[in-house]
């Protein structure tokens, strides 16, 4: 149960982190 809860919590966080990281890298590359 704890592992499933962790996966549910970390899934969206990892996705959000990837999106934010991609936008930051894009800003550093294009600006």
C-alpha atoms as a PDB file:
ATOM      1  CA  UNK A   1       0.000   0.000   0.000  1.00  0.00           C
ATOM      2  CA  UNK A   2       2.802   2.420   0.903  1.00  0.00           C
ATOM      3  CA  UNK A   3       4.638   1.685  -2.351  1.00  0.00           C
ATOM      4  CA  UNK A   4       1.476   2.282  -4.380  1.00  0.00           C
ATOM      5  CA  UNK A   5       0.890   5.568  -2.542  1.00  0.00           C
ATOM      6  CA  UNK A   6       4.465   6.607  -3.264  1.00  0.00           C
ATOM      7  CA  UNK A   7       4.077   5.844  -6.973  1.00  0.00           C
ATOM      8  CA  UNK A   8       0.839   7.845  -7.116  1.00  0.00           C
ATOM      9  CA  UNK A   9       2.500  10.785  -5.373  1.00  0.00           C
ATOM     10  CA  UNK A  10       5.793  10.747  -7.263  1.00  0.00           C
ATOM     11  CA  UNK A  11       4.270  10.241 -10.736  1.00  0.00           C
ATOM     12  CA  UNK A  12       2.828  13.760 -11.174  1.00  0.00           C
ATOM     13  CA  UNK A  13       5.837  15.286  -9.380  1.00  0.00           C
ATOM     14  CA  UNK A  14       8.254  13.648 -11.819  1.00  0.00           C
ATOM     15  CA  UNK A  15       6.133  14.781 -14.791  1.00  0.00           C
ATOM     16  CA  UNK A  16       5.942  18.344 -13.442  1.00  0.00           C
ATOM     17  CA  UNK A  17       9.666  18.338 -12.737  1.00  0.00           C
ATOM     18  CA  UNK A  18      10.395  17.194 -16.286  1.00  0.00           C
ATOM     19  CA  UNK A  19       8.190  19.918 -17.783  1.00  0.00           C
ATOM     20  CA  UNK A  20       9.723  22.626 -15.586  1.00  0.00           C
ATOM     21  CA  UNK A  21      13.228  21.372 -16.309  1.00  0.00           C
ATOM     22  CA  UNK A  22      12.545  21.340 -20.060  1.00  0.00           C
ATOM     23  CA  UNK A  23      11.206  24.915 -19.984  1.00  0.00           C
ATOM     24  CA  UNK A  24      14.205  26.122 -17.963  1.00  0.00           C
ATOM     25  CA  UNK A  25      16.633  24.448 -20.378  1.00  0.00           C
ATOM     26  CA  UNK A  26      14.732  25.916 -23.343  1.00  0.00           C
ATOM     27  CA  UNK A  27      14.955  29.407 -21.819  1.00  0.00           C
ATOM     28  CA  UNK A  28      18.700  29.020 -21.231  1.00  0.00           C
ATOM     29  CA  UNK A  29      19.225  27.774 -24.801  1.00  0.00           C
ATOM     30  CA  UNK A  30      17.011  30.260 -26.672  1.00  0.00           C
ATOM     31  CA  UNK A  31      17.463  33.422 -24.587  1.00  0.00           C
END
